[in-house]
């Protein structure tokens, strides 16, 4: 059974940092990533990391967010620094293979 379990969301002040984690039950993905869904908006990709470790970021988070992975733990991370008022919402872990899988999401709230 394919599962992606996120953790690490919470409340943080603007300018602060959070680190999200996502544990995959099995390692089948050609790439994994994080997607963000702000209230009332569609889900959008913010960061992707391939099996080879190549990363890509949405323009809105470049220089502030860093995606990384630990293959030994089937885990990816999203280090979120310099959080802004437009960053809150639900962050979903995404596993990309022939089928795309999502976790249940973790809530991020930024206070001004």
Protein backbone atom coordinates (compact mmCIF):
# COMPACT_ATOMS: atom_id res chain seq x y z
CA UNK A 1 0.00 0.00 0.00
CA UNK A 2 1.38 3.37 -1.03
CA UNK A 3 1.34 5.94 1.74
CA UNK A 4 2.82 9.38 2.15
CA UNK A 5 2.71 10.83 5.63
CA UNK A 6 3.52 14.48 6.23
CA UNK A 7 4.42 16.20 9.46
CA UNK A 8 5.93 19.44 10.68
CA UNK A 9 3.26 21.98 9.92
CA UNK A 10 2.14 24.52 12.47
CA UNK A 11 1.89 28.18 13.36
CA UNK A 12 4.84 30.46 12.81
CA UNK A 13 5.38 34.19 12.70
CA UNK A 14 6.09 35.90 9.41
CA UNK A 15 9.80 35.66 8.70
CA UNK A 16 10.07 32.46 10.68
CA UNK A 17 10.90 28.91 9.64
CA UNK A 18 9.33 25.49 9.54
CA UNK A 19 10.60 22.11 8.41
CA UNK A 20 8.16 19.69 6.84
CA UNK A 21 8.82 15.97 6.57
CA UNK A 22 7.23 13.29 4.42
CA UNK A 23 7.77 9.59 4.90
CA UNK A 24 6.96 7.27 1.99
CA UNK A 25 5.87 3.72 2.73
CA UNK A 26 7.74 2.41 -0.29
CA UNK A 27 10.32 3.79 -2.68
CA UNK A 28 8.79 3.69 -6.15
CA UNK A 29 8.92 7.26 -7.24
CA UNK A 30 10.99 8.83 -9.98
CA UNK A 31 10.60 12.09 -8.11
CA UNK A 32 8.95 13.49 -5.01
CA UNK A 33 7.84 16.95 -4.15
CA UNK A 34 5.73 19.36 -2.19
CA UNK A 35 2.59 21.11 -3.35
CA UNK A 36 0.84 24.03 -1.71
CA UNK A 37 -2.86 24.78 -1.61
CA UNK A 38 -3.75 28.20 -0.27
CA UNK A 39 -7.30 28.80 0.98
CA UNK A 40 -9.70 29.09 -1.97
CA UNK A 41 -6.98 28.36 -4.52
CA UNK A 42 -5.83 25.38 -6.56
CA UNK A 43 -2.98 23.14 -5.49
CA UNK A 44 0.38 24.14 -6.96
CA UNK A 45 3.79 22.53 -6.97
CA UNK A 46 6.42 24.42 -4.97
CA UNK A 47 9.38 22.05 -5.00
CA UNK A 48 10.44 18.79 -6.61
CA UNK A 49 13.43 16.51 -6.13
CA UNK A 50 14.24 13.67 -8.49
CA UNK A 51 15.62 10.27 -7.60
CA UNK A 52 19.01 11.59 -8.74
CA UNK A 53 18.73 14.59 -6.42
CA UNK A 54 17.97 17.25 -9.02
CA UNK A 55 15.74 19.96 -7.54
CA UNK A 56 13.33 22.49 -8.97
CA UNK A 57 11.34 25.25 -7.28
CA UNK A 58 8.44 27.51 -8.01
CA UNK A 59 9.54 31.11 -8.48
CA UNK A 60 7.59 32.19 -5.41
CA UNK A 61 9.75 30.10 -3.07
CA UNK A 62 13.17 30.17 -4.72
CA UNK A 63 15.82 31.23 -2.25
CA UNK A 64 13.52 30.64 0.73
CA UNK A 65 12.53 26.96 0.58
CA UNK A 66 14.87 23.99 0.27
CA UNK A 67 13.82 20.46 -0.61
CA UNK A 68 16.02 17.55 0.40
CA UNK A 69 15.78 13.79 0.87
CA UNK A 70 17.14 10.94 2.90
CA UNK A 71 17.01 7.80 0.80
CA UNK A 72 17.79 5.58 3.77
CA UNK A 73 14.59 6.74 5.45
CA UNK A 74 12.37 7.13 2.34
CA UNK A 75 11.86 10.67 3.57
CA UNK A 76 11.84 14.08 1.96
CA UNK A 77 11.97 17.43 3.70
CA UNK A 78 10.97 20.98 2.96
CA UNK A 79 12.89 23.62 4.87
CA UNK A 80 10.80 26.76 4.76
CA UNK A 81 12.60 29.95 5.73
CA UNK A 82 11.47 33.54 5.55
CA UNK A 83 7.81 32.58 5.62
CA UNK A 84 5.50 35.18 4.14
CA UNK A 85 1.79 35.95 4.53
CA UNK A 86 1.13 34.28 1.13
CA UNK A 87 2.67 30.97 2.25
CA UNK A 88 -0.08 29.64 4.56
CA UNK A 89 -2.24 26.73 3.52
CA UNK A 90 -2.01 22.99 3.28
CA UNK A 91 1.23 21.47 2.08
CA UNK A 92 0.98 18.10 0.42
CA UNK A 93 3.73 15.60 -0.17
CA UNK A 94 3.68 14.24 -3.71
CA UNK A 95 5.10 11.01 -5.07
CA UNK A 96 5.60 10.94 -8.83
CA UNK A 97 5.74 7.73 -10.79
CA UNK A 98 3.36 6.31 -13.40
CA UNK A 99 0.71 7.54 -10.97
CA UNK A 100 0.94 10.62 -8.77
CA UNK A 101 0.22 10.11 -5.10
CA UNK A 102 -0.49 12.69 -2.43
CA UNK A 103 -0.35 12.58 1.32
CA UNK A 104 -3.08 13.91 3.57
CA UNK A 105 -1.40 17.28 3.91
CA UNK A 106 -0.09 19.36 6.78
CA UNK A 107 -1.35 22.82 7.70
CA UNK A 108 0.95 25.83 7.76
CA UNK A 109 -0.24 29.06 9.32
CA UNK A 110 1.74 32.29 9.26
CA UNK A 111 0.92 35.09 11.65
CA UNK A 112 1.81 38.67 10.86
